C-alpha atoms as a PDB file:
ATOM      1  CA  UNK A   1      -4.189  42.670  22.465  1.00  0.00           C
ATOM      2  CA  UNK A   2      -6.237  39.687  21.359  1.00  0.00           C
ATOM      3  CA  UNK A   3      -8.196  40.280  18.193  1.00  0.00           C
ATOM      4  CA  UNK A   4     -11.943  39.974  18.654  1.00  0.00           C
ATOM      5  CA  UNK A   5     -14.092  38.435  15.944  1.00  0.00           C
ATOM      6  CA  UNK A   6     -17.754  39.341  15.961  1.00  0.00           C
ATOM      7  CA  UNK A   7     -20.215  37.404  13.837  1.00  0.00           C
ATOM      8  CA  UNK A   8     -23.203  39.699  13.549  1.00  0.00           C
ATOM      9  CA  UNK A   9     -26.228  38.329  11.697  1.00  0.00           C
ATOM     10  CA  UNK A  10     -27.363  41.882  10.997  1.00  0.00           C
ATOM     11  CA  UNK A  11     -24.130  42.731   9.190  1.00  0.00           C
ATOM     12  CA  UNK A  12     -24.489  43.199   5.455  1.00  0.00           C
ATOM     13  CA  UNK A  13     -21.641  40.748   4.752  1.00  0.00           C
ATOM     14  CA  UNK A  14     -22.981  37.220   4.080  1.00  0.00           C
ATOM     15  CA  UNK A  15     -22.732  35.318   7.335  1.00  0.00           C
ATOM     16  CA  UNK A  16     -21.165  32.166   5.939  1.00  0.00           C
ATOM     17  CA  UNK A  17     -18.449  34.194   4.185  1.00  0.00           C
ATOM     18  CA  UNK A  18     -17.608  36.089   7.363  1.00  0.00           C
ATOM     19  CA  UNK A  19     -17.467  32.884   9.389  1.00  0.00           C
ATOM     20  CA  UNK A  20     -15.288  31.226   6.783  1.00  0.00           C
ATOM     21  CA  UNK A  21     -12.889  34.172   6.819  1.00  0.00           C
ATOM     22  CA  UNK A  22     -12.673  34.160  10.621  1.00  0.00           C
ATOM     23  CA  UNK A  23     -12.279  30.386  10.823  1.00  0.00           C
ATOM     24  CA  UNK A  24      -9.361  30.461   8.421  1.00  0.00           C
ATOM     25  CA  UNK A  25      -7.511  33.201  10.313  1.00  0.00           C
ATOM     26  CA  UNK A  26      -3.887  32.491  11.162  1.00  0.00           C
ATOM     27  CA  UNK A  27      -4.419  33.025  14.892  1.00  0.00           C
ATOM     28  CA  UNK A  28      -6.057  29.966  16.516  1.00  0.00           C
ATOM     29  CA  UNK A  29      -7.622  32.213  19.175  1.00  0.00           C
ATOM     30  CA  UNK A  30      -9.464  34.067  16.424  1.00  0.00           C
ATOM     31  CA  UNK A  31     -10.644  30.786  14.933  1.00  0.00           C
ATOM     32  CA  UNK A  32     -11.792  29.613  18.367  1.00  0.00           C
ATOM     33  CA  UNK A  33     -13.789  32.813  18.867  1.00  0.00           C
ATOM     34  CA  UNK A  34     -15.350  32.425  15.436  1.00  0.00           C
ATOM     35  CA  UNK A  35     -16.487  28.878  16.213  1.00  0.00           C
ATOM     36  CA  UNK A  36     -17.839  30.053  19.576  1.00  0.00           C
ATOM     37  CA  UNK A  37     -19.717  32.890  17.897  1.00  0.00           C
ATOM     38  CA  UNK A  38     -21.203  30.518  15.316  1.00  0.00           C
ATOM     39  CA  UNK A  39     -22.464  28.226  18.064  1.00  0.00           C
ATOM     40  CA  UNK A  40     -23.747  31.093  20.172  1.00  0.00           C
ATOM     41  CA  UNK A  41     -25.756  32.410  17.227  1.00  0.00           C
ATOM     42  CA  UNK A  42     -26.756  29.182  15.455  1.00  0.00           C
ATOM     43  CA  UNK A  43     -27.794  29.675  11.863  1.00  0.00           C
ATOM     44  CA  UNK A  44     -28.284  26.912   9.255  1.00  0.00           C
ATOM     45  CA  UNK A  45     -26.265  29.082   6.894  1.00  0.00           C
ATOM     46  CA  UNK A  46     -23.171  28.162   8.924  1.00  0.00           C
ATOM     47  CA  UNK A  47     -23.579  24.417   8.382  1.00  0.00           C
ATOM     48  CA  UNK A  48     -21.422  23.880   5.311  1.00  0.00           C
ATOM     49  CA  UNK A  49     -18.699  26.227   6.516  1.00  0.00           C
ATOM     50  CA  UNK A  50     -18.465  24.507   9.904  1.00  0.00           C
ATOM     51  CA  UNK A  51     -18.411  21.025   8.425  1.00  0.00           C
ATOM     52  CA  UNK A  52     -15.766  21.925   5.879  1.00  0.00           C
ATOM     53  CA  UNK A  53     -13.603  23.566   8.517  1.00  0.00           C
ATOM     54  CA  UNK A  54     -13.781  20.437  10.695  1.00  0.00           C
ATOM     55  CA  UNK A  55     -11.934  18.542   7.976  1.00  0.00           C
ATOM     56  CA  UNK A  56      -8.915  20.866   7.924  1.00  0.00           C
ATOM     57  CA  UNK A  57      -8.710  22.624  11.303  1.00  0.00           C
ATOM     58  CA  UNK A  58      -5.321  21.787  12.914  1.00  0.00           C
ATOM     59  CA  UNK A  59      -6.099  22.884  16.491  1.00  0.00           C
ATOM     60  CA  UNK A  60      -7.855  20.369  18.759  1.00  0.00           C
ATOM     61  CA  UNK A  61      -9.685  22.980  20.829  1.00  0.00           C
ATOM     62  CA  UNK A  62     -10.972  24.771  17.759  1.00  0.00           C
ATOM     63  CA  UNK A  63     -12.163  21.448  16.290  1.00  0.00           C
ATOM     64  CA  UNK A  64     -13.995  20.681  19.509  1.00  0.00           C
ATOM     65  CA  UNK A  65     -15.689  24.075  19.394  1.00  0.00           C
ATOM     66  CA  UNK A  66     -16.656  23.486  15.763  1.00  0.00           C
ATOM     67  CA  UNK A  67     -18.351  20.242  16.780  1.00  0.00           C
ATOM     68  CA  UNK A  68     -20.178  22.042  19.567  1.00  0.00           C
ATOM     69  CA  UNK A  69     -21.341  24.705  17.096  1.00  0.00           C
ATOM     70  CA  UNK A  70     -22.704  21.974  14.836  1.00  0.00           C
ATOM     71  CA  UNK A  71     -24.694  20.458  17.694  1.00  0.00           C
ATOM     72  CA  UNK A  72     -26.397  23.818  18.133  1.00  0.00           C
ATOM     73  CA  UNK A  73     -27.958  23.580  14.680  1.00  0.00           C
ATOM     74  CA  UNK A  74     -31.184  21.652  14.009  1.00  0.00           C
ATOM     75  CA  UNK A  75     -30.362  17.916  13.969  1.00  0.00           C
ATOM     76  CA  UNK A  76     -32.587  17.312  10.957  1.00  0.00           C
ATOM     77  CA  UNK A  77     -30.128  19.266   8.792  1.00  0.00           C
ATOM     78  CA  UNK A  78     -26.932  18.579  10.719  1.00  0.00           C
ATOM     79  CA  UNK A  79     -27.018  14.788  11.015  1.00  0.00           C
ATOM     80  CA  UNK A  80     -27.468  14.024   7.290  1.00  0.00           C
ATOM     81  CA  UNK A  81     -24.553  16.328   6.474  1.00  0.00           C
ATOM     82  CA  UNK A  82     -22.345  14.720   9.115  1.00  0.00           C
ATOM     83  CA  UNK A  83     -23.272  11.301   7.782  1.00  0.00           C
ATOM     84  CA  UNK A  84     -21.858  12.258   4.389  1.00  0.00           C
ATOM     85  CA  UNK A  85     -18.547  13.129   6.036  1.00  0.00           C
ATOM     86  CA  UNK A  86     -18.233   9.608   7.435  1.00  0.00           C
ATOM     87  CA  UNK A  87     -17.504   8.438   3.882  1.00  0.00           C
ATOM     88  CA  UNK A  88     -15.029  11.223   3.145  1.00  0.00           C
ATOM     89  CA  UNK A  89     -11.604  10.380   1.732  1.00  0.00           C
ATOM     90  CA  UNK A  90     -10.107  12.855   4.219  1.00  0.00           C
ATOM     91  CA  UNK A  91      -9.225  11.096   7.456  1.00  0.00           C
ATOM     92  CA  UNK A  92      -9.771  14.151   9.640  1.00  0.00           C
ATOM     93  CA  UNK A  93     -13.199  14.669   8.108  1.00  0.00           C
ATOM     94  CA  UNK A  94     -14.192  11.130   9.118  1.00  0.00           C
ATOM     95  CA  UNK A  95     -12.688  11.437  12.575  1.00  0.00           C
ATOM     96  CA  UNK A  96     -14.286  14.785  13.340  1.00  0.00           C
ATOM     97  CA  UNK A  97     -17.657  13.688  11.990  1.00  0.00           C
ATOM     98  CA  UNK A  98     -17.537  10.758  14.409  1.00  0.00           C
ATOM     99  CA  UNK A  99     -16.532  13.062  17.234  1.00  0.00           C
ATOM    100  CA  UNK A 100     -19.472  15.341  16.456  1.00  0.00           C
ATOM    101  CA  UNK A 101     -21.830  12.354  16.541  1.00  0.00           C
ATOM    102  CA  UNK A 102     -20.560  11.551  20.024  1.00  0.00           C
ATOM    103  CA  UNK A 103     -21.464  15.110  21.036  1.00  0.00           C
ATOM    104  CA  UNK A 104     -25.007  14.776  19.711  1.00  0.00           C
ATOM    105  CA  UNK A 105     -25.576  11.406  21.425  1.00  0.00           C
ATOM    106  CA  UNK A 106     -28.294  10.678  18.854  1.00  0.00           C
ATOM    107  CA  UNK A 107     -28.712   6.899  18.933  1.00  0.00           C
ATOM    108  CA  UNK A 108     -30.363   6.914  15.526  1.00  0.00           C
ATOM    109  CA  UNK A 109     -26.844   7.342  14.158  1.00  0.00           C
ATOM    110  CA  UNK A 110     -25.768   3.912  15.451  1.00  0.00           C
ATOM    111  CA  UNK A 111     -26.376   2.315  12.055  1.00  0.00           C
ATOM    112  CA  UNK A 112     -23.835   4.698  10.529  1.00  0.00           C
ATOM    113  CA  UNK A 113     -20.972   3.270  12.608  1.00  0.00           C
ATOM    114  CA  UNK A 114     -19.999   0.653  10.059  1.00  0.00           C
ATOM    115  CA  UNK A 115     -17.409  -2.101  10.186  1.00  0.00           C
ATOM    116  CA  UNK A 116     -15.337  -0.051   7.763  1.00  0.00           C
ATOM    117  CA  UNK A 117     -15.160   2.772  10.294  1.00  0.00           C
ATOM    118  CA  UNK A 118     -14.441   0.435  13.207  1.00  0.00           C
ATOM    119  CA  UNK A 119     -11.643  -1.088  11.139  1.00  0.00           C
ATOM    120  CA  UNK A 120     -10.502   2.170   9.538  1.00  0.00           C
ATOM    121  CA  UNK A 121      -6.833   1.961   8.535  1.00  0.00           C
ATOM    122  CA  UNK A 122      -6.271   5.387  10.082  1.00  0.00           C
ATOM    123  CA  UNK A 123      -5.831   4.736  13.777  1.00  0.00           C
ATOM    124  CA  UNK A 124      -7.264   8.072  14.911  1.00  0.00           C
ATOM    125  CA  UNK A 125     -10.442   7.425  12.937  1.00  0.00           C
ATOM    126  CA  UNK A 126     -10.704   3.892  14.322  1.00  0.00           C
ATOM    127  CA  UNK A 127     -10.148   5.063  17.918  1.00  0.00           C
ATOM    128  CA  UNK A 128     -12.867   7.680  17.549  1.00  0.00           C
ATOM    129  CA  UNK A 129     -15.210   5.129  15.991  1.00  0.00           C
ATOM    130  CA  UNK A 130     -14.679   2.770  18.938  1.00  0.00           C
ATOM    131  CA  UNK A 131     -15.484   5.527  21.422  1.00  0.00           C
ATOM    132  CA  UNK A 132     -18.604   6.639  19.555  1.00  0.00           C
ATOM    133  CA  UNK A 133     -19.809   3.063  19.081  1.00  0.00           C
ATOM    134  CA  UNK A 134     -19.728   2.469  22.835  1.00  0.00           C
ATOM    135  CA  UNK A 135     -21.861   5.590  23.336  1.00  0.00           C
ATOM    136  CA  UNK A 136     -24.448   4.790  20.663  1.00  0.00           C
ATOM    137  CA  UNK A 137     -24.730   0.989  20.634  1.00  0.00           C
ATOM    138  CA  UNK A 138     -28.174  -0.396  21.584  1.00  0.00           C
ATOM    139  CA  UNK A 139     -28.175  -2.850  24.459  1.00  0.00           C
ATOM    140  CA  UNK A 140     -29.140  -5.762  22.215  1.00  0.00           C
ATOM    141  CA  UNK A 141     -26.219  -5.196  19.853  1.00  0.00           C
ATOM    142  CA  UNK A 142     -23.417  -4.928  22.377  1.00  0.00           C
ATOM    143  CA  UNK A 143     -22.366  -8.542  21.800  1.00  0.00           C
ATOM    144  CA  UNK A 144     -21.841  -7.965  18.085  1.00  0.00           C
ATOM    145  CA  UNK A 145     -19.833  -4.820  18.814  1.00  0.00           C
ATOM    146  CA  UNK A 146     -17.657  -6.709  21.286  1.00  0.00           C
ATOM    147  CA  UNK A 147     -16.938  -9.401  18.689  1.00  0.00           C
ATOM    148  CA  UNK A 148     -15.913  -6.702  16.233  1.00  0.00           C
ATOM    149  CA  UNK A 149     -13.655  -4.893  18.679  1.00  0.00           C
ATOM    150  CA  UNK A 150     -11.982  -8.049  19.983  1.00  0.00           C
ATOM    151  CA  UNK A 151     -10.844  -8.794  16.444  1.00  0.00           C
ATOM    152  CA  UNK A 152      -8.562  -5.756  16.728  1.00  0.00           C
ATOM    153  CA  UNK A 153      -6.808  -6.691  19.955  1.00  0.00           C
ATOM    154  CA  UNK A 154      -3.065  -6.225  19.575  1.00  0.00           C
ATOM    155  CA  UNK A 155      -3.439  -3.441  17.031  1.00  0.00           C
ATOM    156  CA  UNK A 156      -1.265  -0.341  17.059  1.00  0.00           C
ATOM    157  CA  UNK A 157       0.833   1.363  19.705  1.00  0.00           C
ATOM    158  CA  UNK A 158       0.144   1.888  23.403  1.00  0.00           C
ATOM    159  CA  UNK A 159      -2.390   4.672  22.872  1.00  0.00           C
ATOM    160  CA  UNK A 160      -4.366   2.665  20.316  1.00  0.00           C
ATOM    161  CA  UNK A 161      -4.452  -0.377  22.577  1.00  0.00           C
ATOM    162  CA  UNK A 162      -5.439   1.721  25.558  1.00  0.00           C
ATOM    163  CA  UNK A 163      -8.362   3.165  23.574  1.00  0.00           C
ATOM    164  CA  UNK A 164      -9.534  -0.299  22.585  1.00  0.00           C
ATOM    165  CA  UNK A 165      -9.235  -1.625  26.138  1.00  0.00           C
ATOM    166  CA  UNK A 166     -11.226   1.325  27.464  1.00  0.00           C
ATOM    167  CA  UNK A 167     -13.960   0.724  24.908  1.00  0.00           C
ATOM    168  CA  UNK A 168     -14.197  -2.951  25.833  1.00  0.00           C
ATOM    169  CA  UNK A 169     -14.181  -2.241  29.571  1.00  0.00           C
ATOM    170  CA  UNK A 170     -16.965   0.328  29.158  1.00  0.00           C
ATOM    171  CA  UNK A 171     -19.126  -2.291  27.457  1.00  0.00           C
ATOM    172  CA  UNK A 172     -19.189  -4.252  30.720  1.00  0.00           C
ATOM    173  CA  UNK A 173     -19.598  -7.944  31.463  1.00  0.00           C
ATOM    174  CA  UNK A 174     -20.742  -8.765  27.934  1.00  0.00           C
ATOM    175  CA  UNK A 175     -17.051  -8.675  26.926  1.00  0.00           C
ATOM    176  CA  UNK A 176     -16.007 -11.555  29.192  1.00  0.00           C
ATOM    177  CA  UNK A 177     -16.646 -14.533  26.851  1.00  0.00           C
ATOM    178  CA  UNK A 178     -14.895 -12.874  23.906  1.00  0.00           C
ATOM    179  CA  UNK A 179     -11.887 -11.918  26.016  1.00  0.00           C
ATOM    180  CA  UNK A 180     -11.668 -15.446  27.413  1.00  0.00           C
ATOM    181  CA  UNK A 181     -11.329 -16.756  23.866  1.00  0.00           C
ATOM    182  CA  UNK A 182      -8.819 -14.077  22.905  1.00  0.00           C
ATOM    183  CA  UNK A 183      -6.407 -14.906  25.728  1.00  0.00           C
ATOM    184  CA  UNK A 184      -5.824 -18.276  24.028  1.00  0.00           C
ATOM    185  CA  UNK A 185      -4.657 -16.614  20.803  1.00  0.00           C
ATOM    186  CA  UNK A 186      -1.337 -17.919  19.458  1.00  0.00           C
ATOM    187  CA  UNK A 187      -0.407 -14.300  18.765  1.00  0.00           C
ATOM    188  CA  UNK A 188       1.358 -13.005  21.915  1.00  0.00           C
ATOM    189  CA  UNK A 189       0.295  -9.417  21.185  1.00  0.00           C
ATOM    190  CA  UNK A 190      -3.370 -10.398  21.033  1.00  0.00           C
ATOM    191  CA  UNK A 191      -3.170 -12.659  24.092  1.00  0.00           C
ATOM    192  CA  UNK A 192      -1.354  -9.998  26.117  1.00  0.00           C
ATOM    193  CA  UNK A 193      -3.798  -7.266  25.152  1.00  0.00           C
ATOM    194  CA  UNK A 194      -6.768  -9.514  25.934  1.00  0.00           C
ATOM    195  CA  UNK A 195      -5.413 -10.442  29.373  1.00  0.00           C
ATOM    196  CA  UNK A 196      -4.585  -6.817  30.194  1.00  0.00           C
ATOM    197  CA  UNK A 197      -8.101  -5.782  29.201  1.00  0.00           C
ATOM    198  CA  UNK A 198      -9.659  -8.535  31.317  1.00  0.00           C
ATOM    199  CA  UNK A 199      -7.562  -7.450  34.295  1.00  0.00           C
ATOM    200  CA  UNK A 200      -8.780  -3.879  33.820  1.00  0.00           C
ATOM    201  CA  UNK A 201     -12.357  -5.111  33.532  1.00  0.00           C
ATOM    202  CA  UNK A 202     -12.136  -7.001  36.808  1.00  0.00           C
ATOM    203  CA  UNK A 203      -9.976  -4.402  38.590  1.00  0.00           C
ATOM    204  CA  UNK A 204     -10.649  -0.967  37.059  1.00  0.00           C
ATOM    205  CA  UNK A 205      -8.253   0.698  39.497  1.00  0.00           C
ATOM    206  CA  UNK A 206      -5.330  -1.166  37.924  1.00  0.00           C
ATOM    207  CA  UNK A 207      -3.344   1.062  35.590  1.00  0.00           C
ATOM    208  CA  UNK A 208      -3.143   0.068  31.938  1.00  0.00           C
ATOM    209  CA  UNK A 209       0.661  -0.128  31.839  1.00  0.00           C
ATOM    210  CA  UNK A 210       0.764  -2.286  34.978  1.00  0.00           C
ATOM    211  CA  UNK A 211      -1.913  -4.535  33.526  1.00  0.00           C
ATOM    212  CA  UNK A 212       0.050  -4.944  30.296  1.00  0.00           C
ATOM    213  CA  UNK A 213       3.269  -5.823  32.138  1.00  0.00           C
ATOM    214  CA  UNK A 214       1.493  -8.421  34.245  1.00  0.00           C
ATOM    215  CA  UNK A 215      -0.258  -9.807  31.182  1.00  0.00           C
ATOM    216  CA  UNK A 216       3.086 -10.155  29.397  1.00  0.00           C
ATOM    217  CA  UNK A 217       4.371 -12.166  32.330  1.00  0.00           C
ATOM    218  CA  UNK A 218       1.361 -14.478  32.252  1.00  0.00           C
ATOM    219  CA  UNK A 219       1.723 -15.030  28.511  1.00  0.00           C
ATOM    220  CA  UNK A 220       5.453 -15.697  28.851  1.00  0.00           C
ATOM    221  CA  UNK A 221       5.125 -18.147  31.764  1.00  0.00           C
ATOM    222  CA  UNK A 222       1.755 -19.659  30.974  1.00  0.00           C
ATOM    223  CA  UNK A 223      -1.330 -19.205  33.175  1.00  0.00           C
ATOM    224  CA  UNK A 224      -0.590 -21.980  35.675  1.00  0.00           C
ATOM    225  CA  UNK A 225       3.057 -21.075  36.289  1.00  0.00           C
ATOM    226  CA  UNK A 226       2.220 -17.358  36.463  1.00  0.00           C
ATOM    227  CA  UNK A 227      -0.563 -18.021  38.973  1.00  0.00           C
ATOM    228  CA  UNK A 228       1.737 -20.164  41.116  1.00  0.00           C
ATOM    229  CA  UNK A 229       4.510 -17.564  40.994  1.00  0.00           C
ATOM    230  CA  UNK A 230       2.125 -14.767  41.922  1.00  0.00           C
ATOM    231  CA  UNK A 231       0.648 -16.757  44.793  1.00  0.00           C
ATOM    232  CA  UNK A 232       4.130 -17.416  46.165  1.00  0.00           C
ATOM    233  CA  UNK A 233       5.259 -13.790  45.829  1.00  0.00           C
ATOM    234  CA  UNK A 234       6.423 -12.112  49.068  1.00  0.00           C
ATOM    235  CA  UNK A 235       3.654 -10.262  50.830  1.00  0.00           C
ATOM    236  CA  UNK A 236       0.748 -12.239  49.409  1.00  0.00           C
ATOM    237  CA  UNK A 237       0.524 -14.877  52.142  1.00  0.00           C
ATOM    238  CA  UNK A 238       0.866 -13.159  55.493  1.00  0.00           C
ATOM    239  CA  UNK A 239       3.914 -10.929  54.893  1.00  0.00           C
ATOM    240  CA  UNK A 240       2.259  -7.921  53.330  1.00  0.00           C
ATOM    241  CA  UNK A 241       2.410  -5.946  56.590  1.00  0.00           C
ATOM    242  CA  UNK A 242       6.220  -5.958  56.601  1.00  0.00           C
ATOM    243  CA  UNK A 243       6.761  -5.460  52.894  1.00  0.00           C
ATOM    244  CA  UNK A 244       8.008  -2.203  51.406  1.00  0.00           C
ATOM    245  CA  UNK A 245       5.209  -0.158  49.773  1.00  0.00           C
ATOM    246  CA  UNK A 246       6.407  -0.773  46.206  1.00  0.00           C
ATOM    247  CA  UNK A 247       6.856  -4.476  46.879  1.00  0.00           C
ATOM    248  CA  UNK A 248       3.408  -4.684  48.419  1.00  0.00           C
ATOM    249  CA  UNK A 249       1.896  -3.021  45.372  1.00  0.00           C
ATOM    250  CA  UNK A 250       3.597  -5.501  43.074  1.00  0.00           C
ATOM    251  CA  UNK A 251       2.420  -8.391  45.220  1.00  0.00           C
ATOM    252  CA  UNK A 252      -1.185  -7.205  45.224  1.00  0.00           C
ATOM    253  CA  UNK A 253      -1.105  -6.730  41.472  1.00  0.00           C
ATOM    254  CA  UNK A 254       0.409 -10.189  41.104  1.00  0.00           C
ATOM    255  CA  UNK A 255      -2.379 -11.684  43.164  1.00  0.00           C
ATOM    256  CA  UNK A 256      -4.966  -9.975  40.980  1.00  0.00           C
ATOM    257  CA  UNK A 257      -3.341 -11.309  37.839  1.00  0.00           C
ATOM    258  CA  UNK A 258      -3.180 -14.763  39.407  1.00  0.00           C
ATOM    259  CA  UNK A 259      -6.935 -14.579  39.874  1.00  0.00           C
ATOM    260  CA  UNK A 260      -7.482 -13.522  36.250  1.00  0.00           C
ATOM    261  CA  UNK A 261      -5.058 -16.156  34.999  1.00  0.00           C
ATOM    262  CA  UNK A 262      -6.777 -18.892  36.951  1.00  0.00           C
ATOM    263  CA  UNK A 263     -10.176 -17.848  35.659  1.00  0.00           C
ATOM    264  CA  UNK A 264      -9.040 -17.794  32.043  1.00  0.00           C
ATOM    265  CA  UNK A 265      -6.616 -20.741  32.066  1.00  0.00           C
ATOM    266  CA  UNK A 266      -9.184 -23.160  30.713  1.00  0.00           C
ATOM    267  CA  UNK A 267     -10.223 -21.002  27.762  1.00  0.00           C
END
């Protein structure tokens, strides 16, 4: 039978001590219930306990519930405390503080998303910072954010690059000039990532992995040769009706990349 944790404000045991005990239980279900109870009965006395637990909680779902519980507290006490965590030496503390800011959606916190966070050496912190920045950035500062994010094209593994591409795509058309410059980078990783991101921006239905593979081909062949090869691919000029489904898909994707390549060839 699942253990039930009740956080009762009328109990004689100090609330923050009881929450801390429940949140440090071995069973993650107990910790999840404790975080839910803290959010369901918001009390400023829970603030420090919730913030501290965010920095060490190993379970994703419990961490998410902790962030939700924090958003239930008055923002005038919660936001300053979260801001302090952004400078923590503990990577999870920084990452979870950023995640909590994304839950609040308070645009006054935009100034707290510093270059140091956007460039954080810990990739999970950086990925979270990118996501939060896209949510909080004022319209007039999107260009500066794009310039900052484009500097990190080519960073990390597939998941890191996917996160960065998503952030850039969500920022919209303002990313186009910066991506056009990045596709001319002498670094193949940067050029490939930039082209894949531009393809996703123009054709959001294109999968990230397919976009990367096509971008690699363009970088390897050069824009003009890649565009010519894609245009001459079977199925693009009048033969698509008789092509096999997989071949047709490849041809359509090739045509899309040809379009992107042609548009960015002069950059």
